[in-house]
């Protein structure tokens, strides 16, 4: 979300209160929904990409376990 869009959303939230003399218009509400949806879908895409790039760790082999236990015994 750009700084302008963030400012627009914050101002719209302030104007959405009951006592504000100028409530948001329908067009402004539609624009806010579009901005928030785009931001949310961009975040979901980024999370999916980062999740796919992680490498899975394999289980330790018996030799690795034996070495680790030997190190503990040596302490």
Protein backbone atom coordinates (compact mmCIF):
# COMPACT_ATOMS: atom_id res chain seq x y z
CA UNK A 1 0.00 0.00 0.00
CA UNK A 2 1.36 3.38 -0.94
CA UNK A 3 1.56 6.21 1.60
CA UNK A 4 -1.23 8.06 -0.23
CA UNK A 5 -3.51 5.03 -0.04
CA UNK A 6 -2.72 4.56 3.63
CA UNK A 7 -3.52 8.19 4.34
CA UNK A 8 -6.77 7.92 2.39
CA UNK A 9 -7.83 4.86 4.41
CA UNK A 10 -6.98 6.53 7.73
CA UNK A 11 -8.90 9.71 6.83
CA UNK A 12 -11.84 7.62 5.71
CA UNK A 13 -11.87 5.78 9.04
CA UNK A 14 -11.93 9.09 10.89
CA UNK A 15 -14.75 10.42 8.73
CA UNK A 16 -16.73 7.24 9.30
CA UNK A 17 -17.54 8.18 12.90
CA UNK A 18 -21.09 9.13 13.80
CA UNK A 19 -20.40 12.73 14.73
CA UNK A 20 -18.33 13.66 11.69
CA UNK A 21 -20.06 16.33 9.56
CA UNK A 22 -18.94 14.84 6.23
CA UNK A 23 -19.41 11.06 6.09
CA UNK A 24 -17.61 9.10 3.35
CA UNK A 25 -19.32 8.80 -0.02
CA UNK A 26 -20.17 5.53 -1.69
CA UNK A 27 -17.39 6.04 -4.26
CA UNK A 28 -14.85 6.60 -1.49
CA UNK A 29 -15.98 3.43 0.26
CA UNK A 30 -15.66 1.47 -3.00
CA UNK A 31 -12.15 2.83 -3.53
CA UNK A 32 -11.19 1.85 0.02
CA UNK A 33 -12.45 -1.69 -0.53
CA UNK A 34 -10.44 -2.00 -3.75
CA UNK A 35 -7.29 -0.72 -2.01
CA UNK A 36 -7.68 -3.12 0.90
CA UNK A 37 -8.40 -6.11 -1.34
CA UNK A 38 -5.33 -5.41 -3.48
CA UNK A 39 -3.17 -5.06 -0.41
CA UNK A 40 -4.49 -8.30 1.05
CA UNK A 41 -4.03 -10.29 -2.17
CA UNK A 42 -0.49 -8.94 -2.57
CA UNK A 43 0.35 -10.05 0.96
CA UNK A 44 -1.11 -13.51 0.33
CA UNK A 45 0.94 -13.90 -2.86
CA UNK A 46 4.13 -12.88 -1.07
CA UNK A 47 3.45 -15.34 1.74
CA UNK A 48 2.83 -18.15 -0.73
CA UNK A 49 6.08 -17.41 -2.54
CA UNK A 50 8.12 -17.35 0.64
CA UNK A 51 6.49 -20.53 1.88
CA UNK A 52 7.36 -22.36 -1.34
CA UNK A 53 11.00 -21.27 -1.27
CA UNK A 54 11.74 -22.83 2.10
CA UNK A 55 13.71 -26.05 2.01
CA UNK A 56 12.58 -28.94 4.12
CA UNK A 57 15.01 -30.38 6.60
CA UNK A 58 15.62 -34.08 6.42
CA UNK A 59 15.61 -36.29 9.48
CA UNK A 60 19.03 -36.82 11.04
CA UNK A 61 20.76 -40.07 10.18
CA UNK A 62 21.72 -42.67 12.75
CA UNK A 63 25.36 -41.62 12.45
CA UNK A 64 24.44 -37.99 13.24
CA UNK A 65 22.45 -39.09 16.27
CA UNK A 66 25.30 -41.30 17.45
CA UNK A 67 27.79 -38.43 17.07
CA UNK A 68 25.54 -36.07 19.01
CA UNK A 69 25.11 -38.60 21.82
CA UNK A 70 28.88 -39.19 21.93
CA UNK A 71 29.43 -35.44 22.23
CA UNK A 72 27.00 -35.31 25.15
CA UNK A 73 28.77 -38.22 26.86
CA UNK A 74 32.09 -36.44 26.45
CA UNK A 75 30.85 -33.33 28.29
